[in-house]
Amino acid sequence: MAEKGDGDFKLQPFNVKSEEDILNKFTLPIKSNKSSPEFSELMPDFGQPHNLSDIILCIGERCLHAHRAVLMQWSPVFKAMFSSDFQEKGAKQIPLPGKEYDEVLDLLCYIYPPCKQSISADNVRHMVKLADEYQIKFIKAECEQFLTESASHDNAMEYLYLAETFSLNDLQTSESSIKLCQCIYLHFKISAFEGVMIELDGQKVTGQ
């Protein structure tokens, strides 16, 4: 945990004793140097029990250890799962069929501080999918922002598909849609030009 003092933040080891401690330590923003050894040590090792972790997420034969309180804090889906009359309410292990271990790990690393994940071209597809499924609004918003800012003629068609599939309303606004459509037009224009050049090169080779 980070404690403020003298205008700066001092990193302290996690030492939790109750659910309230868990929420306080795992939902407050932390200012820290992500490259520092202290920062890496603060991030939980989800592959084993840590800091009173009380739920195990099972992905195939592998498991991730987490806290109900943290999952419920960020996800209405997990909140309903753990507080309503679902079979998962009292379960110690929750199977997540159809999920990829590394993708769920990315999600946990994003909602647990100190967050060492960022939305990128490598993870935006599975992050927006999981954020939509578990209704984690802030991750979905950050995915949408990344998609909007990184649209190009190479990815425009895929981004429009993601916008439609996961109801990314901002990405579907007129300005963003026009930008994506322009990118798609440019993509086909470039592809058509390249096709013509290949055909011309072929004619030169054959002497036609």
C-alpha atoms as a PDB file:
ATOM      1  CA  MET A   1       0.000   0.000   0.000  1.00  0.00           C
ATOM      2  CA  ALA A   2       1.108   3.566  -0.572  1.00  0.00           C
ATOM      3  CA  GLU A   3       1.099   6.074   2.276  1.00  0.00           C
ATOM      4  CA  LYS A   4       1.243   9.788   1.569  1.00  0.00           C
ATOM      5  CA  GLY A   5       3.795  11.913   3.346  1.00  0.00           C
ATOM      6  CA  ASP A   6       5.974  14.942   2.635  1.00  0.00           C
ATOM      7  CA  GLY A   7       4.300  15.397  -0.744  1.00  0.00           C
ATOM      8  CA  ASP A   8       5.231  11.931  -1.935  1.00  0.00           C
ATOM      9  CA  PHE A   9       4.046   8.346  -1.645  1.00  0.00           C
ATOM     10  CA  LYS A  10       5.889   5.684   0.321  1.00  0.00           C
ATOM     11  CA  LEU A  11       5.267   2.053  -0.600  1.00  0.00           C
ATOM     12  CA  GLN A  12       4.318  -0.302   2.222  1.00  0.00           C
ATOM     13  CA  PRO A  13       3.858  -4.111   2.073  1.00  0.00           C
ATOM     14  CA  PHE A  14       0.322  -5.498   2.049  1.00  0.00           C
ATOM     15  CA  ASN A  15      -0.828  -6.790   5.436  1.00  0.00           C
ATOM     16  CA  VAL A  16      -4.552  -7.469   5.376  1.00  0.00           C
ATOM     17  CA  LYS A  17      -6.620  -8.854   8.227  1.00  0.00           C
ATOM     18  CA  SER A  18     -10.202  -8.316   7.121  1.00  0.00           C
ATOM     19  CA  GLU A  19     -12.446  -7.843   4.081  1.00  0.00           C
ATOM     20  CA  GLU A  20     -12.457  -4.096   4.780  1.00  0.00           C
ATOM     21  CA  ASP A  21      -8.651  -4.071   4.626  1.00  0.00           C
ATOM     22  CA  ILE A  22      -8.822  -5.897   1.298  1.00  0.00           C
ATOM     23  CA  LEU A  23     -11.182  -3.324  -0.200  1.00  0.00           C
ATOM     24  CA  ASN A  24      -9.133  -0.423   1.111  1.00  0.00           C
ATOM     25  CA  LYS A  25      -5.869  -1.807  -0.219  1.00  0.00           C
ATOM     26  CA  PHE A  26      -7.130  -3.135  -3.531  1.00  0.00           C
ATOM     27  CA  THR A  27      -9.421  -0.317  -4.690  1.00  0.00           C
ATOM     28  CA  LEU A  28      -7.426   2.840  -3.920  1.00  0.00           C
ATOM     29  CA  PRO A  29      -5.217   4.328  -6.662  1.00  0.00           C
ATOM     30  CA  ILE A  30      -1.500   4.021  -6.007  1.00  0.00           C
ATOM     31  CA  LYS A  31       1.170   6.336  -7.344  1.00  0.00           C
ATOM     32  CA  SER A  32       4.393   4.452  -7.810  1.00  0.00           C
ATOM     33  CA  ASN A  33       7.274   3.759 -10.113  1.00  0.00           C
ATOM     34  CA  LYS A  34       6.243   0.702 -12.134  1.00  0.00           C
ATOM     35  CA  SER A  35       9.844  -0.196 -12.876  1.00  0.00           C
ATOM     36  CA  SER A  36      10.876  -0.306  -9.224  1.00  0.00           C
ATOM     37  CA  PRO A  37      11.397  -3.653  -7.425  1.00  0.00           C
ATOM     38  CA  GLU A  38       9.042  -2.451  -4.677  1.00  0.00           C
ATOM     39  CA  PHE A  39       6.271  -1.996  -7.220  1.00  0.00           C
ATOM     40  CA  SER A  40       6.626  -5.550  -8.555  1.00  0.00           C
ATOM     41  CA  GLU A  41       6.632  -6.990  -5.037  1.00  0.00           C
ATOM     42  CA  LEU A  42       3.333  -5.277  -4.236  1.00  0.00           C
ATOM     43  CA  MET A  43       1.466  -6.966  -7.094  1.00  0.00           C
ATOM     44  CA  PRO A  44      -0.213 -10.169  -5.867  1.00  0.00           C
ATOM     45  CA  ASP A  45       0.897 -13.545  -7.187  1.00  0.00           C
ATOM     46  CA  PHE A  46      -2.463 -14.803  -8.391  1.00  0.00           C
ATOM     47  CA  GLY A  47      -1.095 -18.296  -8.939  1.00  0.00           C
ATOM     48  CA  GLN A  48      -1.149 -19.005  -5.201  1.00  0.00           C
ATOM     49  CA  PRO A  49      -3.145 -17.903  -2.111  1.00  0.00           C
ATOM     50  CA  HIS A  50      -2.353 -14.326  -1.079  1.00  0.00           C
ATOM     51  CA  ASN A  51      -3.618 -11.716   1.390  1.00  0.00           C
ATOM     52  CA  LEU A  52      -6.669 -13.691   2.595  1.00  0.00           C
ATOM     53  CA  SER A  53      -7.724 -14.587  -0.948  1.00  0.00           C
ATOM     54  CA  ASP A  54     -11.034 -16.421  -0.655  1.00  0.00           C
ATOM     55  CA  ILE A  55     -12.037 -17.488  -4.160  1.00  0.00           C
ATOM     56  CA  ILE A  56     -10.303 -19.611  -6.792  1.00  0.00           C
ATOM     57  CA  LEU A  57     -11.008 -19.021 -10.473  1.00  0.00           C
ATOM     58  CA  CYS A  58     -10.460 -22.239 -12.410  1.00  0.00           C
ATOM     59  CA  ILE A  59      -9.493 -22.002 -16.076  1.00  0.00           C
ATOM     60  CA  GLY A  60      -8.966 -25.495 -17.378  1.00  0.00           C
ATOM     61  CA  GLU A  61      -6.453 -27.194 -15.084  1.00  0.00           C
ATOM     62  CA  ARG A  62      -4.962 -23.903 -13.886  1.00  0.00           C
ATOM     63  CA  CYS A  63      -6.200 -21.663 -11.089  1.00  0.00           C
ATOM     64  CA  LEU A  64      -6.078 -18.006 -10.106  1.00  0.00           C
ATOM     65  CA  HIS A  65      -6.579 -16.865  -6.513  1.00  0.00           C
ATOM     66  CA  ALA A  66      -8.592 -13.706  -5.917  1.00  0.00           C
ATOM     67  CA  HIS A  67     -10.850 -11.918  -3.433  1.00  0.00           C
ATOM     68  CA  ARG A  68     -14.634 -11.908  -3.632  1.00  0.00           C
ATOM     69  CA  ALA A  69     -14.685  -8.354  -2.277  1.00  0.00           C
ATOM     70  CA  VAL A  70     -12.453  -7.039  -5.070  1.00  0.00           C
ATOM     71  CA  LEU A  71     -14.337  -8.857  -7.830  1.00  0.00           C
ATOM     72  CA  MET A  72     -17.659  -7.652  -6.421  1.00  0.00           C
ATOM     73  CA  GLN A  73     -16.350  -4.094  -6.140  1.00  0.00           C
ATOM     74  CA  TRP A  74     -15.674  -3.828  -9.875  1.00  0.00           C
ATOM     75  CA  SER A  75     -18.078  -6.309 -11.465  1.00  0.00           C
ATOM     76  CA  PRO A  76     -21.892  -6.360 -11.032  1.00  0.00           C
ATOM     77  CA  VAL A  77     -21.811  -9.864 -12.500  1.00  0.00           C
ATOM     78  CA  PHE A  78     -19.538 -11.188  -9.759  1.00  0.00           C
ATOM     79  CA  LYS A  79     -21.512  -9.206  -7.188  1.00  0.00           C
ATOM     80  CA  ALA A  80     -24.730 -10.929  -8.227  1.00  0.00           C
ATOM     81  CA  MET A  81     -22.953 -14.273  -8.396  1.00  0.00           C
ATOM     82  CA  PHE A  82     -21.591 -14.041  -4.847  1.00  0.00           C
ATOM     83  CA  SER A  83     -24.502 -12.299  -3.122  1.00  0.00           C
ATOM     84  CA  SER A  84     -27.585 -13.850  -4.734  1.00  0.00           C
ATOM     85  CA  ASP A  85     -28.973 -17.367  -4.674  1.00  0.00           C
ATOM     86  CA  PHE A  86     -26.574 -18.690  -7.290  1.00  0.00           C
ATOM     87  CA  GLN A  87     -24.690 -21.925  -6.713  1.00  0.00           C
ATOM     88  CA  GLU A  88     -21.441 -19.930  -6.777  1.00  0.00           C
ATOM     89  CA  LYS A  89     -22.433 -17.953  -3.661  1.00  0.00           C
ATOM     90  CA  GLY A  90     -20.788 -20.337  -1.222  1.00  0.00           C
ATOM     91  CA  ALA A  91     -18.407 -22.043  -3.614  1.00  0.00           C
ATOM     92  CA  LYS A  92     -14.679 -22.035  -2.979  1.00  0.00           C
ATOM     93  CA  GLN A  93     -13.869 -22.522  -6.655  1.00  0.00           C
ATOM     94  CA  ILE A  94     -15.509 -20.963  -9.703  1.00  0.00           C
ATOM     95  CA  PRO A  95     -14.961 -22.635 -13.092  1.00  0.00           C
ATOM     96  CA  LEU A  96     -14.642 -20.232 -16.020  1.00  0.00           C
ATOM     97  CA  PRO A  97     -15.282 -22.407 -19.088  1.00  0.00           C
ATOM     98  CA  GLY A  98     -14.236 -21.058 -22.444  1.00  0.00           C
ATOM     99  CA  LYS A  99     -11.762 -18.603 -20.920  1.00  0.00           C
ATOM    100  CA  GLU A 100      -8.011 -18.345 -21.453  1.00  0.00           C
ATOM    101  CA  TYR A 101      -5.785 -18.322 -18.362  1.00  0.00           C
ATOM    102  CA  ASP A 102      -3.545 -15.475 -19.538  1.00  0.00           C
ATOM    103  CA  GLU A 103      -6.542 -13.341 -20.491  1.00  0.00           C
ATOM    104  CA  VAL A 104      -8.220 -13.692 -17.086  1.00  0.00           C
ATOM    105  CA  LEU A 105      -4.849 -12.982 -15.475  1.00  0.00           C
ATOM    106  CA  ASP A 106      -4.655  -9.763 -17.515  1.00  0.00           C
ATOM    107  CA  LEU A 107      -8.065  -8.791 -16.156  1.00  0.00           C
ATOM    108  CA  LEU A 108      -7.035  -9.387 -12.541  1.00  0.00           C
ATOM    109  CA  CYS A 109      -3.805  -7.463 -13.026  1.00  0.00           C
ATOM    110  CA  TYR A 110      -5.880  -4.544 -14.278  1.00  0.00           C
ATOM    111  CA  ILE A 111      -8.335  -4.338 -11.372  1.00  0.00           C
ATOM    112  CA  TYR A 112      -5.835  -4.985  -8.584  1.00  0.00           C
ATOM    113  CA  PRO A 113      -3.553  -2.077  -7.657  1.00  0.00           C
ATOM    114  CA  PRO A 114      -0.824  -1.344  -8.250  1.00  0.00           C
ATOM    115  CA  CYS A 115      -2.057  -1.938 -11.793  1.00  0.00           C
ATOM    116  CA  LYS A 116       0.797  -2.942 -14.070  1.00  0.00           C
ATOM    117  CA  GLN A 117      -1.373  -3.515 -17.117  1.00  0.00           C
ATOM    118  CA  SER A 118      -2.286  -1.074 -19.848  1.00  0.00           C
ATOM    119  CA  ILE A 119      -4.614  -1.417 -22.796  1.00  0.00           C
ATOM    120  CA  SER A 120      -2.663  -2.210 -25.949  1.00  0.00           C
ATOM    121  CA  ALA A 121      -3.086  -3.709 -29.390  1.00  0.00           C
ATOM    122  CA  ASP A 122      -2.073  -7.064 -27.899  1.00  0.00           C
ATOM    123  CA  ASN A 123      -4.778  -7.251 -25.222  1.00  0.00           C
ATOM    124  CA  VAL A 124      -7.589  -4.892 -26.236  1.00  0.00           C
ATOM    125  CA  ARG A 125      -9.627  -7.637 -27.931  1.00  0.00           C
ATOM    126  CA  HIS A 126      -9.861  -9.960 -24.942  1.00  0.00           C
ATOM    127  CA  MET A 127      -9.973  -7.122 -22.421  1.00  0.00           C
ATOM    128  CA  VAL A 128     -13.007  -5.492 -24.034  1.00  0.00           C
ATOM    129  CA  LYS A 129     -14.673  -8.907 -24.309  1.00  0.00           C
ATOM    130  CA  LEU A 130     -14.139  -9.730 -20.615  1.00  0.00           C
ATOM    131  CA  ALA A 131     -15.006  -6.185 -19.520  1.00  0.00           C
ATOM    132  CA  ASP A 132     -18.277  -6.426 -21.431  1.00  0.00           C
ATOM    133  CA  GLU A 133     -19.102  -9.883 -20.066  1.00  0.00           C
ATOM    134  CA  TYR A 134     -18.405  -8.930 -16.452  1.00  0.00           C
ATOM    135  CA  GLN A 135     -19.714  -5.353 -16.855  1.00  0.00           C
ATOM    136  CA  ILE A 136     -16.504  -3.672 -15.699  1.00  0.00           C
ATOM    137  CA  LYS A 137     -17.252  -0.204 -17.004  1.00  0.00           C
ATOM    138  CA  PHE A 138     -13.924   1.532 -16.497  1.00  0.00           C
ATOM    139  CA  ILE A 139     -11.964  -1.149 -18.378  1.00  0.00           C
ATOM    140  CA  LYS A 140     -14.491  -1.129 -21.204  1.00  0.00           C
ATOM    141  CA  ALA A 141     -14.217   2.667 -21.413  1.00  0.00           C
ATOM    142  CA  GLU A 142     -10.422   2.514 -21.578  1.00  0.00           C
ATOM    143  CA  CYS A 143     -10.595  -0.146 -24.288  1.00  0.00           C
ATOM    144  CA  GLU A 144     -12.957   2.055 -26.273  1.00  0.00           C
ATOM    145  CA  GLN A 145     -10.654   5.039 -25.888  1.00  0.00           C
ATOM    146  CA  PHE A 146      -7.700   2.987 -27.125  1.00  0.00           C
ATOM    147  CA  LEU A 147      -9.658   1.715 -30.136  1.00  0.00           C
ATOM    148  CA  THR A 148     -10.839   5.211 -31.021  1.00  0.00           C
ATOM    149  CA  GLU A 149      -7.349   6.683 -30.824  1.00  0.00           C
ATOM    150  CA  SER A 150      -5.554   3.859 -32.637  1.00  0.00           C
ATOM    151  CA  ALA A 151      -7.913   3.321 -35.581  1.00  0.00           C
ATOM    152  CA  SER A 152      -6.173   3.009 -38.936  1.00  0.00           C
ATOM    153  CA  HIS A 153      -6.891   1.608 -42.380  1.00  0.00           C
ATOM    154  CA  ASP A 154      -5.324  -1.694 -41.251  1.00  0.00           C
ATOM    155  CA  ASN A 155      -7.707  -2.320 -38.341  1.00  0.00           C
ATOM    156  CA  ALA A 156     -10.792  -0.228 -39.150  1.00  0.00           C
ATOM    157  CA  MET A 157     -13.000  -3.137 -40.183  1.00  0.00           C
ATOM    158  CA  GLU A 158     -12.153  -5.124 -37.059  1.00  0.00           C
ATOM    159  CA  TYR A 159     -12.667  -2.089 -34.815  1.00  0.00           C
ATOM    160  CA  LEU A 160     -16.112  -1.433 -36.282  1.00  0.00           C
ATOM    161  CA  TYR A 161     -16.944  -5.080 -35.619  1.00  0.00           C
ATOM    162  CA  LEU A 162     -15.811  -4.725 -31.991  1.00  0.00           C
ATOM    163  CA  ALA A 163     -17.806  -1.506 -31.650  1.00  0.00           C
ATOM    164  CA  GLU A 164     -20.956  -3.220 -32.867  1.00  0.00           C
ATOM    165  CA  THR A 165     -20.419  -6.463 -30.927  1.00  0.00           C
ATOM    166  CA  PHE A 166     -19.724  -4.844 -27.555  1.00  0.00           C
ATOM    167  CA  SER A 167     -21.911  -1.725 -27.915  1.00  0.00           C
ATOM    168  CA  LEU A 168     -19.029   0.740 -27.849  1.00  0.00           C
ATOM    169  CA  ASN A 169     -21.217   3.783 -28.297  1.00  0.00           C
ATOM    170  CA  ASP A 170     -18.467   6.403 -28.418  1.00  0.00           C
ATOM    171  CA  LEU A 171     -16.658   4.452 -31.105  1.00  0.00           C
ATOM    172  CA  GLN A 172     -19.890   4.398 -33.094  1.00  0.00           C
ATOM    173  CA  THR A 173     -20.465   8.160 -32.873  1.00  0.00           C
ATOM    174  CA  SER A 174     -20.453  10.087 -36.111  1.00  0.00           C
ATOM    175  CA  GLU A 175     -16.903  11.440 -35.819  1.00  0.00           C
ATOM    176  CA  SER A 176     -15.373   8.086 -34.893  1.00  0.00           C
ATOM    177  CA  SER A 177     -17.434   6.184 -37.446  1.00  0.00           C
ATOM    178  CA  ILE A 178     -16.472   8.610 -40.194  1.00  0.00           C
ATOM    179  CA  LYS A 179     -12.822   8.175 -39.265  1.00  0.00           C
ATOM    180  CA  LEU A 180     -13.146   4.392 -39.392  1.00  0.00           C
ATOM    181  CA  CYS A 181     -15.061   4.470 -42.671  1.00  0.00           C
ATOM    182  CA  GLN A 182     -12.380   6.696 -44.157  1.00  0.00           C
ATOM    183  CA  CYS A 183      -9.785   4.185 -42.983  1.00  0.00           C
ATOM    184  CA  ILE A 184     -11.713   1.329 -44.591  1.00  0.00           C
ATOM    185  CA  TYR A 185     -11.999   3.283 -47.848  1.00  0.00           C
ATOM    186  CA  LEU A 186      -8.264   3.990 -47.763  1.00  0.00           C
ATOM    187  CA  HIS A 187      -7.567   0.314 -47.059  1.00  0.00           C
ATOM    188  CA  PHE A 188      -9.516  -0.836 -50.121  1.00  0.00           C
ATOM    189  CA  LYS A 189      -8.039   1.954 -52.231  1.00  0.00           C
ATOM    190  CA  ILE A 190      -4.512   0.904 -51.289  1.00  0.00           C
ATOM    191  CA  SER A 191      -5.365  -2.777 -51.843  1.00  0.00           C
ATOM    192  CA  ALA A 192      -6.803  -2.017 -55.269  1.00  0.00           C
ATOM    193  CA  PHE A 193      -3.743   0.031 -56.216  1.00  0.00           C
ATOM    194  CA  GLU A 194      -1.412  -2.740 -55.059  1.00  0.00           C
ATOM    195  CA  GLY A 195      -3.439  -5.231 -57.099  1.00  0.00           C
ATOM    196  CA  VAL A 196      -3.088  -3.103 -60.224  1.00  0.00           C
ATOM    197  CA  MET A 197       0.667  -2.742 -59.679  1.00  0.00           C
ATOM    198  CA  ILE A 198       1.071  -6.505 -59.246  1.00  0.00           C
ATOM    199  CA  GLU A 199      -0.869  -7.077 -62.447  1.00  0.00           C
ATOM    200  CA  LEU A 200       1.262  -4.552 -64.330  1.00  0.00           C
ATOM    201  CA  ASP A 201       4.442  -6.149 -63.010  1.00  0.00           C
ATOM    202  CA  GLY A 202       3.172  -9.517 -64.182  1.00  0.00           C
ATOM    203  CA  GLN A 203       2.528  -8.157 -67.651  1.00  0.00           C
ATOM    204  CA  LYS A 204       6.062  -6.757 -67.818  1.00  0.00           C
ATOM    205  CA  VAL A 205       7.522 -10.128 -66.884  1.00  0.00           C
ATOM    206  CA  THR A 206       5.540 -11.984 -69.526  1.00  0.00           C
ATOM    207  CA  GLY A 207       6.118  -9.242 -72.102  1.00  0.00           C
ATOM    208  CA  GLN A 208       2.433  -8.650 -72.647  1.00  0.00           C
END
